Amino acid sequence: MSWTLVTNPGITGPPRPLQAVCHDRSPFVTIVCGGCGFEMHVHETQLPSLPRTEIVTLCNECGELLEFPSGFLADAFRRLRVEGWIA
């Protein structure tokens, strides 16, 4: 049930708005499974379809149960905006 929200090691210097280049070009947060180290990401555009309660999902690689407290992902995107990573 463990996971880590990680920073991008390729990004250095002061925060600046970044353009996501993944499939829908929306901002995303990267999550690393604590069980196997597999990296996954959640796009901000996915949040409206997710419940406003605790979110539970499985690691795409090992099947480890990953739990996110209610509001955690929305707060992560809010923090990225405050820090200047998302415009």
PDB file of N, CA and C in Angstrom:
ATOM      1  N   MET A   1       0.809  -1.187   0.000  1.00  0.00           N
ATOM      2  CA  MET A   1       0.000   0.000   0.000  1.00  0.00           C
ATOM      3  C   MET A   1       0.855   1.255   0.000  1.00  0.00           C
ATOM      4  N   SER A   2       2.087   1.139  -0.403  1.00  0.00           N
ATOM      5  CA  SER A   2       2.945   2.312  -0.359  1.00  0.00           C
ATOM      6  C   SER A   2       3.196   2.854  -1.759  1.00  0.00           C
ATOM      7  N   TRP A   3       3.431   4.148  -1.818  1.00  0.00           N
ATOM      8  CA  TRP A   3       3.727   4.831  -3.072  1.00  0.00           C
ATOM      9  C   TRP A   3       4.458   6.113  -2.720  1.00  0.00           C
ATOM     10  N   THR A   4       5.076   6.718  -3.711  1.00  0.00           N
ATOM     11  CA  THR A   4       5.789   7.972  -3.526  1.00  0.00           C
ATOM     12  C   THR A   4       5.447   8.891  -4.679  1.00  0.00           C
ATOM     13  N   LEU A   5       5.187  10.141  -4.359  1.00  0.00           N
ATOM     14  CA  LEU A   5       5.028  11.159  -5.387  1.00  0.00           C
ATOM     15  C   LEU A   5       6.427  11.699  -5.637  1.00  0.00           C
ATOM     16  N   VAL A   6       6.901  11.678  -6.883  1.00  0.00           N
ATOM     17  CA  VAL A   6       8.290  12.020  -7.150  1.00  0.00           C
ATOM     18  C   VAL A   6       8.439  13.280  -7.993  1.00  0.00           C
ATOM     19  N   THR A   7       9.608  13.899  -7.853  1.00  0.00           N
ATOM     20  CA  THR A   7       9.944  15.042  -8.696  1.00  0.00           C
ATOM     21  C   THR A   7      10.671  14.539  -9.933  1.00  0.00           C
ATOM     22  N   ASN A   8      10.663  15.321 -10.961  1.00  0.00           N
ATOM     23  CA  ASN A   8      11.337  14.965 -12.199  1.00  0.00           C
ATOM     24  C   ASN A   8      12.823  15.295 -12.058  1.00  0.00           C
ATOM     25  N   PRO A   9      13.710  14.283 -12.077  1.00  0.00           N
ATOM     26  CA  PRO A   9      15.138  14.549 -11.895  1.00  0.00           C
ATOM     27  C   PRO A   9      15.751  15.343 -13.044  1.00  0.00           C
ATOM     28  N   GLY A  10      15.081  15.411 -14.175  1.00  0.00           N
ATOM     29  CA  GLY A  10      15.605  16.154 -15.318  1.00  0.00           C
ATOM     30  C   GLY A  10      15.294  17.640 -15.267  1.00  0.00           C
ATOM     31  N   ILE A  11      14.507  18.064 -14.288  1.00  0.00           N
ATOM     32  CA  ILE A  11      14.124  19.466 -14.172  1.00  0.00           C
ATOM     33  C   ILE A  11      14.927  20.101 -13.046  1.00  0.00           C
ATOM     34  N   THR A  12      15.679  21.127 -13.367  1.00  0.00           N
ATOM     35  CA  THR A  12      16.477  21.831 -12.364  1.00  0.00           C
ATOM     36  C   THR A  12      16.174  23.320 -12.431  1.00  0.00           C
ATOM     37  N   GLY A  13      16.638  24.033 -11.445  1.00  0.00           N
ATOM     38  CA  GLY A  13      16.441  25.478 -11.427  1.00  0.00           C
ATOM     39  C   GLY A  13      15.127  25.854 -10.793  1.00  0.00           C
ATOM     40  N   PRO A  14      14.801  27.133 -10.859  1.00  0.00           N
ATOM     41  CA  PRO A  14      13.567  27.609 -10.229  1.00  0.00           C
ATOM     42  C   PRO A  14      12.341  27.083 -10.973  1.00  0.00           C
ATOM     43  N   PRO A  15      11.202  26.984 -10.273  1.00  0.00           N
ATOM     44  CA  PRO A  15       9.973  26.530 -10.938  1.00  0.00           C
ATOM     45  C   PRO A  15       9.620  27.420 -12.119  1.00  0.00           C
ATOM     46  N   ARG A  16       9.117  26.793 -13.158  1.00  0.00           N
ATOM     47  CA  ARG A  16       8.640  27.499 -14.337  1.00  0.00           C
ATOM     48  C   ARG A  16       7.564  26.636 -14.982  1.00  0.00           C
ATOM     49  N   PRO A  17       6.571  27.229 -15.604  1.00  0.00           N
ATOM     50  CA  PRO A  17       5.507  26.423 -16.212  1.00  0.00           C
ATOM     51  C   PRO A  17       6.078  25.461 -17.253  1.00  0.00           C
ATOM     52  N   LEU A  18       5.683  24.221 -17.151  1.00  0.00           N
ATOM     53  CA  LEU A  18       6.130  23.181 -18.072  1.00  0.00           C
ATOM     54  C   LEU A  18       4.955  22.714 -18.915  1.00  0.00           C
ATOM     55  N   GLN A  19       5.221  22.318 -20.140  1.00  0.00           N
ATOM     56  CA  GLN A  19       4.194  21.773 -21.024  1.00  0.00           C
ATOM     57  C   GLN A  19       4.289  20.254 -20.999  1.00  0.00           C
ATOM     58  N   ALA A  20       3.204  19.611 -20.593  1.00  0.00           N
ATOM     59  CA  ALA A  20       3.176  18.144 -20.598  1.00  0.00           C
ATOM     60  C   ALA A  20       3.149  17.665 -22.046  1.00  0.00           C
ATOM     61  N   VAL A  21       3.881  16.624 -22.340  1.00  0.00           N
ATOM     62  CA  VAL A  21       3.930  16.112 -23.707  1.00  0.00           C
ATOM     63  C   VAL A  21       3.315  14.720 -23.809  1.00  0.00           C
ATOM     64  N   CYS A  22       2.651  14.285 -22.762  1.00  0.00           N
ATOM     65  CA  CYS A  22       2.005  12.977 -22.781  1.00  0.00           C
ATOM     66  C   CYS A  22       0.723  13.041 -23.609  1.00  0.00           C
ATOM     67  N   HIS A  23       0.003  11.956 -23.654  1.00  0.00           N
ATOM     68  CA  HIS A  23      -1.110  11.767 -24.587  1.00  0.00           C
ATOM     69  C   HIS A  23      -2.123  12.897 -24.679  1.00  0.00           C
ATOM     70  N   ASP A  24      -2.543  13.520 -23.573  1.00  0.00           N
ATOM     71  CA  ASP A  24      -3.539  14.587 -23.706  1.00  0.00           C
ATOM     72  C   ASP A  24      -2.973  15.976 -23.399  1.00  0.00           C
ATOM     73  N   ARG A  25      -1.677  16.046 -23.194  1.00  0.00           N
ATOM     74  CA  ARG A  25      -0.956  17.305 -22.978  1.00  0.00           C
ATOM     75  C   ARG A  25      -1.406  18.086 -21.733  1.00  0.00           C
ATOM     76  N   SER A  26      -2.076  17.399 -20.804  1.00  0.00           N
ATOM     77  CA  SER A  26      -2.470  18.056 -19.563  1.00  0.00           C
ATOM     78  C   SER A  26      -1.416  17.773 -18.488  1.00  0.00           C
ATOM     79  N   PRO A  27      -1.335  18.615 -17.460  1.00  0.00           N
ATOM     80  CA  PRO A  27      -0.378  18.370 -16.371  1.00  0.00           C
ATOM     81  C   PRO A  27      -0.635  17.023 -15.714  1.00  0.00           C
ATOM     82  N   PHE A  28       0.439  16.413 -15.227  1.00  0.00           N
ATOM     83  CA  PHE A  28       0.286  15.140 -14.522  1.00  0.00           C
ATOM     84  C   PHE A  28       1.263  15.065 -13.367  1.00  0.00           C
ATOM     85  N   VAL A  29       0.942  14.182 -12.414  1.00  0.00           N
ATOM     86  CA  VAL A  29       1.855  13.888 -11.309  1.00  0.00           C
ATOM     87  C   VAL A  29       2.355  12.467 -11.505  1.00  0.00           C
ATOM     88  N   THR A  30       3.618  12.253 -11.158  1.00  0.00           N
ATOM     89  CA  THR A  30       4.230  10.932 -11.284  1.00  0.00           C
ATOM     90  C   THR A  30       4.235  10.255  -9.924  1.00  0.00           C
ATOM     91  N   ILE A  31       3.854   8.996  -9.925  1.00  0.00           N
ATOM     92  CA  ILE A  31       3.759   8.194  -8.712  1.00  0.00           C
ATOM     93  C   ILE A  31       4.628   6.961  -8.912  1.00  0.00           C
ATOM     94  N   VAL A  32       5.392   6.605  -7.882  1.00  0.00           N
ATOM     95  CA  VAL A  32       6.225   5.403  -7.927  1.00  0.00           C
ATOM     96  C   VAL A  32       5.664   4.386  -6.943  1.00  0.00           C
ATOM     97  N   CYS A  33       5.420   3.177  -7.417  1.00  0.00           N
ATOM     98  CA  CYS A  33       4.925   2.103  -6.560  1.00  0.00           C
ATOM     99  C   CYS A  33       5.991   1.736  -5.536  1.00  0.00           C
ATOM    100  N   GLY A  34       5.603   1.669  -4.272  1.00  0.00           N
ATOM    101  CA  GLY A  34       6.532   1.279  -3.216  1.00  0.00           C
ATOM    102  C   GLY A  34       6.855  -0.199  -3.246  1.00  0.00           C
ATOM    103  N   GLY A  35       6.038  -0.992  -3.928  1.00  0.00           N
ATOM    104  CA  GLY A  35       6.279  -2.427  -3.998  1.00  0.00           C
ATOM    105  C   GLY A  35       7.321  -2.815  -5.027  1.00  0.00           C
ATOM    106  N   CYS A  36       7.256  -2.204  -6.223  1.00  0.00           N
ATOM    107  CA  CYS A  36       8.156  -2.631  -7.293  1.00  0.00           C
ATOM    108  C   CYS A  36       8.938  -1.486  -7.939  1.00  0.00           C
ATOM    109  N   GLY A  37       8.600  -0.239  -7.621  1.00  0.00           N
ATOM    110  CA  GLY A  37       9.317   0.892  -8.199  1.00  0.00           C
ATOM    111  C   GLY A  37       8.802   1.348  -9.551  1.00  0.00           C
ATOM    112  N   PHE A  38       7.717   0.757 -10.024  1.00  0.00           N
ATOM    113  CA  PHE A  38       7.154   1.130 -11.323  1.00  0.00           C
ATOM    114  C   PHE A  38       6.610   2.549 -11.264  1.00  0.00           C
ATOM    115  N   GLU A  39       6.893   3.354 -12.277  1.00  0.00           N
ATOM    116  CA  GLU A  39       6.406   4.726 -12.345  1.00  0.00           C
ATOM    117  C   GLU A  39       5.121   4.796 -13.151  1.00  0.00           C
ATOM    118  N   MET A  40       4.150   5.500 -12.593  1.00  0.00           N
ATOM    119  CA  MET A  40       2.874   5.738 -13.258  1.00  0.00           C
ATOM    120  C   MET A  40       2.573   7.219 -13.140  1.00  0.00           C
ATOM    121  N   HIS A  41       1.608   7.706 -13.874  1.00  0.00           N
ATOM    122  CA  HIS A  41       1.204   9.082 -13.677  1.00  0.00           C
ATOM    123  C   HIS A  41      -0.302   9.237 -13.807  1.00  0.00           C
ATOM    124  N   VAL A  42      -0.782  10.300 -13.152  1.00  0.00           N
ATOM    125  CA  VAL A  42      -2.200  10.646 -13.182  1.00  0.00           C
ATOM    126  C   VAL A  42      -2.304  12.046 -13.762  1.00  0.00           C
ATOM    127  N   HIS A  43      -3.118  12.181 -14.794  1.00  0.00           N
ATOM    128  CA  HIS A  43      -3.320  13.490 -15.428  1.00  0.00           C
ATOM    129  C   HIS A  43      -4.402  14.267 -14.696  1.00  0.00           C
ATOM    130  N   GLU A  44      -4.235  15.573 -14.688  1.00  0.00           N
ATOM    131  CA  GLU A  44      -5.225  16.431 -14.052  1.00  0.00           C
ATOM    132  C   GLU A  44      -6.593  16.281 -14.719  1.00  0.00           C
ATOM    133  N   THR A  45      -6.609  16.007 -16.013  1.00  0.00           N
ATOM    134  CA  THR A  45      -7.883  15.838 -16.722  1.00  0.00           C
ATOM    135  C   THR A  45      -8.640  14.597 -16.254  1.00  0.00           C
ATOM    136  N   GLN A  46      -7.971  13.675 -15.551  1.00  0.00           N
ATOM    137  CA  GLN A  46      -8.639  12.483 -15.043  1.00  0.00           C
ATOM    138  C   GLN A  46      -9.384  12.757 -13.735  1.00  0.00           C
ATOM    139  N   LEU A  47      -9.020  13.824 -13.027  1.00  0.00           N
ATOM    140  CA  LEU A  47      -9.595  14.076 -11.710  1.00  0.00           C
ATOM    141  C   LEU A  47     -11.117  14.224 -11.703  1.00  0.00           C
ATOM    142  N   PRO A  48     -11.732  14.931 -12.650  1.00  0.00           N
ATOM    143  CA  PRO A  48     -13.195  15.065 -12.582  1.00  0.00           C
ATOM    144  C   PRO A  48     -13.936  13.729 -12.604  1.00  0.00           C
ATOM    145  N   SER A  49     -13.352  12.714 -13.207  1.00  0.00           N
ATOM    146  CA  SER A  49     -14.032  11.416 -13.281  1.00  0.00           C
ATOM    147  C   SER A  49     -13.746  10.533 -12.062  1.00  0.00           C
ATOM    148  N   LEU A  50     -12.839  10.974 -11.184  1.00  0.00           N
ATOM    149  CA  LEU A  50     -12.505  10.189 -10.003  1.00  0.00           C
ATOM    150  C   LEU A  50     -13.396  10.597  -8.832  1.00  0.00           C
ATOM    151  N   PRO A  51     -13.660   9.657  -7.924  1.00  0.00           N
ATOM    152  CA  PRO A  51     -14.494  10.006  -6.772  1.00  0.00           C
ATOM    153  C   PRO A  51     -13.799  11.020  -5.868  1.00  0.00           C
ATOM    154  N   ARG A  52     -14.573  11.788  -5.132  1.00  0.00           N
ATOM    155  CA  ARG A  52     -14.025  12.787  -4.212  1.00  0.00           C
ATOM    156  C   ARG A  52     -13.740  12.173  -2.844  1.00  0.00           C
ATOM    157  N   THR A  53     -13.595  10.885  -2.823  1.00  0.00           N
ATOM    158  CA  THR A  53     -13.258  10.171  -1.601  1.00  0.00           C
ATOM    159  C   THR A  53     -11.865   9.591  -1.770  1.00  0.00           C
ATOM    160  N   GLU A  54     -11.457   8.758  -0.838  1.00  0.00           N
ATOM    161  CA  GLU A  54     -10.172   8.075  -0.977  1.00  0.00           C
ATOM    162  C   GLU A  54     -10.163   7.325  -2.306  1.00  0.00           C
ATOM    163  N   ILE A  55      -9.029   7.367  -2.996  1.00  0.00           N
ATOM    164  CA  ILE A  55      -8.890   6.672  -4.275  1.00  0.00           C
ATOM    165  C   ILE A  55      -7.990   5.463  -4.056  1.00  0.00           C
ATOM    166  N   VAL A  56      -8.450   4.314  -4.505  1.00  0.00           N
ATOM    167  CA  VAL A  56      -7.679   3.082  -4.388  1.00  0.00           C
ATOM    168  C   VAL A  56      -7.522   2.519  -5.790  1.00  0.00           C
ATOM    169  N   THR A  57      -6.292   2.177  -6.138  1.00  0.00           N
ATOM    170  CA  THR A  57      -6.018   1.614  -7.453  1.00  0.00           C
ATOM    171  C   THR A  57      -4.924   0.567  -7.311  1.00  0.00           C
ATOM    172  N   LEU A  58      -4.609  -0.102  -8.383  1.00  0.00           N
ATOM    173  CA  LEU A  58      -3.553  -1.112  -8.384  1.00  0.00           C
ATOM    174  C   LEU A  58      -2.382  -0.637  -9.223  1.00  0.00           C
ATOM    175  N   CYS A  59      -1.179  -1.016  -8.812  1.00  0.00           N
ATOM    176  CA  CYS A  59       0.001  -0.743  -9.614  1.00  0.00           C
ATOM    177  C   CYS A  59      -0.162  -1.442 -10.957  1.00  0.00           C
ATOM    178  N   ASN A  60       0.157  -0.760 -12.021  1.00  0.00           N
ATOM    179  CA  ASN A  60       0.053  -1.341 -13.370  1.00  0.00           C
ATOM    180  C   ASN A  60       1.060  -2.453 -13.618  1.00  0.00           C
ATOM    181  N   GLU A  61       2.090  -2.538 -12.788  1.00  0.00           N
ATOM    182  CA  GLU A  61       3.137  -3.532 -12.993  1.00  0.00           C
ATOM    183  C   GLU A  61       2.961  -4.754 -12.076  1.00  0.00           C
ATOM    184  N   CYS A  62       2.924  -4.526 -10.757  1.00  0.00           N
ATOM    185  CA  CYS A  62       2.927  -5.651  -9.816  1.00  0.00           C
ATOM    186  C   CYS A  62       1.585  -5.915  -9.150  1.00  0.00           C
ATOM    187  N   GLY A  63       0.632  -5.013  -9.322  1.00  0.00           N
ATOM    188  CA  GLY A  63      -0.681  -5.209  -8.729  1.00  0.00           C
ATOM    189  C   GLY A  63      -0.793  -4.759  -7.280  1.00  0.00           C
ATOM    190  N   GLU A  64       0.261  -4.127  -6.740  1.00  0.00           N
ATOM    191  CA  GLU A  64       0.227  -3.605  -5.370  1.00  0.00           C
ATOM    192  C   GLU A  64      -0.940  -2.628  -5.224  1.00  0.00           C
ATOM    193  N   LEU A  65      -1.638  -2.700  -4.086  1.00  0.00           N
ATOM    194  CA  LEU A  65      -2.737  -1.787  -3.808  1.00  0.00           C
ATOM    195  C   LEU A  65      -2.179  -0.420  -3.433  1.00  0.00           C
ATOM    196  N   LEU A  66      -2.616   0.619  -4.129  1.00  0.00           N
ATOM    197  CA  LEU A  66      -2.165   1.986  -3.872  1.00  0.00           C
ATOM    198  C   LEU A  66      -3.360   2.813  -3.415  1.00  0.00           C
ATOM    199  N   GLU A  67      -3.245   3.449  -2.261  1.00  0.00           N
ATOM    200  CA  GLU A  67      -4.338   4.237  -1.705  1.00  0.00           C
ATOM    201  C   GLU A  67      -3.925   5.703  -1.612  1.00  0.00           C
ATOM    202  N   PHE A  68      -4.811   6.585  -2.055  1.00  0.00           N
ATOM    203  CA  PHE A  68      -4.574   8.030  -1.995  1.00  0.00           C
ATOM    204  C   PHE A  68      -5.675   8.652  -1.153  1.00  0.00           C
ATOM    205  N   PRO A  69      -5.311   9.389  -0.102  1.00  0.00           N
ATOM    206  CA  PRO A  69      -6.326  10.019   0.738  1.00  0.00           C
ATOM    207  C   PRO A  69      -7.214  10.962  -0.069  1.00  0.00           C
ATOM    208  N   SER A  70      -8.409  11.176   0.413  1.00  0.00           N
ATOM    209  CA  SER A  70      -9.348  12.084  -0.226  1.00  0.00           C
ATOM    210  C   SER A  70      -8.698  13.445  -0.447  1.00  0.00           C
ATOM    211  N   GLY A  71      -8.772  13.955  -1.659  1.00  0.00           N
ATOM    212  CA  GLY A  71      -8.240  15.272  -1.993  1.00  0.00           C
ATOM    213  C   GLY A  71      -6.746  15.323  -2.249  1.00  0.00           C
ATOM    214  N   PHE A  72      -6.030  14.219  -2.077  1.00  0.00           N
ATOM    215  CA  PHE A  72      -4.582  14.240  -2.219  1.00  0.00           C
ATOM    216  C   PHE A  72      -4.131  14.666  -3.612  1.00  0.00           C
ATOM    217  N   LEU A  73      -4.711  14.071  -4.644  1.00  0.00           N
ATOM    218  CA  LEU A  73      -4.265  14.378  -6.008  1.00  0.00           C
ATOM    219  C   LEU A  73      -4.610  15.817  -6.388  1.00  0.00           C
ATOM    220  N   ALA A  74      -5.804  16.272  -6.037  1.00  0.00           N
ATOM    221  CA  ALA A  74      -6.166  17.667  -6.317  1.00  0.00           C
ATOM    222  C   ALA A  74      -5.215  18.610  -5.595  1.00  0.00           C
ATOM    223  N   ASP A  75      -4.859  18.284  -4.358  1.00  0.00           N
ATOM    224  CA  ASP A  75      -3.907  19.111  -3.612  1.00  0.00           C
ATOM    225  C   ASP A  75      -2.529  19.119  -4.263  1.00  0.00           C
ATOM    226  N   ALA A  76      -2.129  17.986  -4.842  1.00  0.00           N
ATOM    227  CA  ALA A  76      -0.823  17.922  -5.515  1.00  0.00           C
ATOM    228  C   ALA A  76      -0.792  18.881  -6.705  1.00  0.00           C
ATOM    229  N   PHE A  77      -1.865  18.911  -7.491  1.00  0.00           N
ATOM    230  CA  PHE A  77      -1.922  19.844  -8.627  1.00  0.00           C
ATOM    231  C   PHE A  77      -1.990  21.287  -8.151  1.00  0.00           C
ATOM    232  N   ARG A  78      -2.718  21.531  -7.079  1.00  0.00           N
ATOM    233  CA  ARG A  78      -2.794  22.884  -6.513  1.00  0.00           C
ATOM    234  C   ARG A  78      -1.403  23.346  -6.078  1.00  0.00           C
ATOM    235  N   ARG A  79      -0.653  22.450  -5.435  1.00  0.00           N
ATOM    236  CA  ARG A  79       0.712  22.782  -4.988  1.00  0.00           C
ATOM    237  C   ARG A  79       1.619  23.089  -6.179  1.00  0.00           C
ATOM    238  N   LEU A  80       1.504  22.314  -7.244  1.00  0.00           N
ATOM    239  CA  LEU A  80       2.322  22.561  -8.436  1.00  0.00           C
ATOM    240  C   LEU A  80       2.023  23.936  -9.025  1.00  0.00           C
ATOM    241  N   ARG A  81       0.763  24.367  -8.956  1.00  0.00           N
ATOM    242  CA  ARG A  81       0.406  25.704  -9.448  1.00  0.00           C
ATOM    243  C   ARG A  81       1.008  26.781  -8.551  1.00  0.00           C
ATOM    244  N   VAL A  82       0.871  26.610  -7.245  1.00  0.00           N
ATOM    245  CA  VAL A  82       1.408  27.591  -6.297  1.00  0.00           C
ATOM    246  C   VAL A  82       2.929  27.731  -6.460  1.00  0.00           C
ATOM    247  N   GLU A  83       3.608  26.596  -6.685  1.00  0.00           N
ATOM    248  CA  GLU A  83       5.064  26.612  -6.851  1.00  0.00           C
ATOM    249  C   GLU A  83       5.492  27.129  -8.216  1.00  0.00           C
ATOM    250  N   GLY A  84       4.567  27.241  -9.166  1.00  0.00           N
ATOM    251  CA  GLY A  84       4.896  27.790 -10.479  1.00  0.00           C
ATOM    252  C   GLY A  84       5.187  26.773 -11.566  1.00  0.00           C
ATOM    253  N   TRP A  85       4.945  25.490 -11.308  1.00  0.00           N
ATOM    254  CA  TRP A  85       5.223  24.459 -12.319  1.00  0.00           C
ATOM    255  C   TRP A  85       4.109  24.338 -13.347  1.00  0.00           C
ATOM    256  N   ILE A  86       2.897  24.718 -12.952  1.00  0.00           N
ATOM    257  CA  ILE A  86       1.749  24.684 -13.861  1.00  0.00           C
ATOM    258  C   ILE A  86       1.196  26.092 -13.946  1.00  0.00           C
ATOM    259  N   ALA A  87       0.954  26.554 -15.156  1.00  0.00           N
ATOM    260  CA  ALA A  87       0.400  27.918 -15.336  1.00  0.00           C
ATOM    261  C   ALA A  87      -1.050  27.959 -14.975  1.00  0.00           C
TER     262      ALA A  87
END
